């Protein structure tokens, strides 16, 4: 991340309109305190997108179960073993 996207807390508070403008035009901006604590300010659309991704099912099976409304039973047919001659 470029240093022009890092703000000290006191600077960000004093120039919040500029921080807001840069988030919209340049992307996420990091705000840090002297003790190293930090936050990142992102566009609302990006925040919403990340929230939607975190609500996605963990597996494809979970996805189909949630979409179908009924329990999904998957079984696999065992294939015959084959012998390979060397």
Protein backbone atom coordinates (compact mmCIF):
# COMPACT_ATOMS: atom_id res chain seq x y z
CA UNK A 1 0.00 0.00 0.00
CA UNK A 2 1.40 3.38 -0.95
CA UNK A 3 2.23 5.88 1.80
CA UNK A 4 -0.19 8.39 0.27
CA UNK A 5 -2.98 6.05 1.40
CA UNK A 6 -1.86 6.07 5.04
CA UNK A 7 -3.13 8.79 7.35
CA UNK A 8 -2.29 9.57 10.95
CA UNK A 9 -5.51 9.73 12.97
CA UNK A 10 -5.20 13.44 13.72
CA UNK A 11 -4.68 14.19 9.99
CA UNK A 12 -7.66 12.03 8.97
CA UNK A 13 -9.91 13.78 11.50
CA UNK A 14 -8.81 17.24 10.33
CA UNK A 15 -9.12 16.36 6.63
CA UNK A 16 -11.98 13.89 6.65
CA UNK A 17 -13.51 15.30 3.44
CA UNK A 18 -10.22 14.64 1.65
CA UNK A 19 -9.99 11.11 3.08
CA UNK A 20 -13.57 10.50 1.92
CA UNK A 21 -12.77 11.83 -1.58
CA UNK A 22 -9.68 9.63 -1.86
CA UNK A 23 -11.55 6.51 -0.75
CA UNK A 24 -14.07 7.12 -3.53
CA UNK A 25 -11.46 7.96 -6.20
CA UNK A 26 -8.30 6.02 -5.24
CA UNK A 27 -9.46 3.15 -3.05
CA UNK A 28 -9.07 2.10 0.58
CA UNK A 29 -7.29 4.45 2.98
CA UNK A 30 -5.51 3.31 6.17
CA UNK A 31 -5.79 5.40 9.34
CA UNK A 32 -3.27 4.71 12.10
CA UNK A 33 -2.81 5.79 15.70
CA UNK A 34 0.59 6.38 17.25
CA UNK A 35 0.49 3.02 19.05
CA UNK A 36 0.11 1.19 15.74
CA UNK A 37 -3.63 0.52 15.94
CA UNK A 38 -5.15 0.91 12.50
CA UNK A 39 -8.38 0.82 10.53
CA UNK A 40 -9.03 0.84 6.81
CA UNK A 41 -11.76 3.00 5.29
CA UNK A 42 -13.33 1.46 2.18
CA UNK A 43 -16.15 2.37 -0.21
CA UNK A 44 -19.58 1.30 1.03
CA UNK A 45 -20.03 -0.86 -2.08
CA UNK A 46 -16.85 -2.79 -1.27
CA UNK A 47 -17.90 -3.26 2.35
CA UNK A 48 -21.31 -4.57 1.23
CA UNK A 49 -19.68 -6.94 -1.28
CA UNK A 50 -17.38 -8.36 1.40
CA UNK A 51 -20.37 -8.85 3.70
CA UNK A 52 -22.23 -10.75 0.99
CA UNK A 53 -19.23 -13.01 0.39
CA UNK A 54 -18.99 -13.86 4.06
CA UNK A 55 -22.61 -15.05 4.02
CA UNK A 56 -22.04 -17.56 1.22
CA UNK A 57 -22.34 -21.26 2.07
CA UNK A 58 -19.12 -22.94 3.07
CA UNK A 59 -19.51 -25.84 0.66
CA UNK A 60 -21.32 -26.70 -2.53
CA UNK A 61 -23.39 -29.25 -0.61
CA UNK A 62 -24.51 -26.52 1.85
CA UNK A 63 -25.43 -24.33 -1.13
CA UNK A 64 -27.62 -27.00 -2.73
CA UNK A 65 -29.25 -27.90 0.57
CA UNK A 66 -30.09 -24.25 1.24
CA UNK A 67 -31.42 -23.72 -2.29
CA UNK A 68 -33.50 -26.89 -2.52
CA UNK A 69 -35.27 -26.68 0.78
CA UNK A 70 -35.10 -30.45 1.24
CA UNK A 71 -32.37 -32.75 2.40
CA UNK A 72 -29.90 -33.75 -0.26
CA UNK A 73 -28.69 -37.37 -0.36
CA UNK A 74 -25.62 -37.94 -2.46
CA UNK A 75 -24.14 -41.36 -3.03
CA UNK A 76 -21.38 -42.43 -5.30
CA UNK A 77 -21.33 -45.57 -7.36
CA UNK A 78 -18.17 -47.52 -6.73
CA UNK A 79 -16.22 -48.20 -9.88
CA UNK A 80 -14.71 -51.60 -10.46
CA UNK A 81 -11.01 -51.79 -9.75
CA UNK A 82 -8.89 -52.35 -12.76
CA UNK A 83 -5.54 -53.99 -12.93
CA UNK A 84 -2.84 -52.33 -14.96
CA UNK A 85 -0.20 -54.60 -16.45
CA UNK A 86 3.35 -53.29 -16.58
